[in-house]
Amino acid sequence: MAIPNVKRYRISGPDGDTATIMAVLPKDANVDEYLKEASSRFDWKGHKESKANVFKIRVGQQKQKKAK
């Protein structure tokens, strides 16, 4: 079940890295100011580490040995 009125926003970090955040903002909120604050509070180091862990390269296939 999805949360209603959720919008995706793309923020960019100090080193040019980008991330997507999802937020529900009130009608009178300043979106640009919110995104600026969110990008300053975002854990860019953790984001980069988690992105590096996702792209693991698997070399070859391993065969399973049959138990006799």
Protein backbone atom coordinates (compact mmCIF):
# COMPACT_ATOMS: atom_id res chain seq x y z
CA MET A 1 0.00 0.00 0.00
CA ALA A 2 1.49 3.32 -1.06
CA ILE A 3 1.53 6.52 0.94
CA PRO A 4 -0.62 9.17 -0.78
CA ASN A 5 0.91 12.49 -1.92
CA VAL A 6 4.49 11.23 -1.81
CA LYS A 7 6.78 12.89 -4.34
CA ARG A 8 10.30 11.94 -5.35
CA TYR A 9 13.01 14.57 -5.30
CA ARG A 10 16.54 14.21 -6.64
CA ILE A 11 19.27 15.83 -4.56
CA SER A 12 22.94 16.22 -5.44
CA GLY A 13 25.87 15.99 -3.07
CA PRO A 14 29.00 18.10 -2.76
CA ASP A 15 31.03 15.72 -4.95
CA GLY A 16 28.43 15.47 -7.72
CA ASP A 17 26.79 12.27 -6.46
CA THR A 18 22.99 12.14 -6.69
CA ALA A 19 20.33 10.50 -4.55
CA THR A 20 16.55 10.30 -4.62
CA ILE A 21 14.48 11.09 -1.54
CA MET A 22 10.76 10.69 -1.08
CA ALA A 23 8.83 13.25 0.94
CA VAL A 24 5.37 14.63 1.64
CA LEU A 25 5.55 18.40 1.90
CA PRO A 26 2.82 20.80 3.05
CA LYS A 27 1.22 23.03 0.42
CA ASP A 28 2.93 26.24 1.57
CA ALA A 29 6.42 24.72 1.92
CA ASN A 30 9.36 26.08 -0.04
CA VAL A 31 10.57 23.06 -2.01
CA ASP A 32 13.97 24.50 -2.98
CA GLU A 33 14.81 25.38 0.61
CA TYR A 34 13.72 21.94 1.82
CA LEU A 35 15.89 20.19 -0.79
CA LYS A 36 18.88 22.35 0.12
CA GLU A 37 18.50 21.44 3.81
CA ALA A 38 17.89 17.76 3.02
CA SER A 39 21.03 17.53 0.90
CA SER A 40 23.10 19.08 3.71
CA ARG A 41 21.71 16.58 6.26
CA PHE A 42 21.95 13.55 3.96
CA ASP A 43 24.54 10.86 4.80
CA TRP A 44 26.54 10.97 1.57
CA LYS A 45 29.35 8.76 2.89
CA GLY A 46 26.90 6.01 3.91
CA HIS A 47 25.04 6.34 0.61
CA LYS A 48 28.25 5.88 -1.38
CA GLU A 49 29.24 2.83 0.71
CA SER A 50 25.84 1.18 0.33
CA LYS A 51 25.91 1.80 -3.43
CA ALA A 52 29.33 0.14 -3.63
CA ASN A 53 28.05 -2.94 -1.77
CA VAL A 54 25.16 -3.45 -4.19
CA PHE A 55 27.28 -3.84 -7.32
CA LYS A 56 29.24 -6.98 -6.50
CA ILE A 57 30.70 -8.82 -9.44
CA ARG A 58 30.27 -12.57 -9.52
CA VAL A 59 32.99 -14.40 -11.41
CA GLY A 60 32.05 -17.74 -12.92
CA GLN A 61 29.50 -20.22 -11.69
CA GLN A 62 30.01 -22.54 -8.80
CA LYS A 63 28.83 -26.12 -9.12
CA GLN A 64 27.09 -27.85 -6.27
CA LYS A 65 28.47 -31.21 -5.29
CA LYS A 66 25.99 -34.05 -5.06
CA ALA A 67 26.01 -35.98 -1.80
CA LYS A 68 26.30 -39.71 -2.51
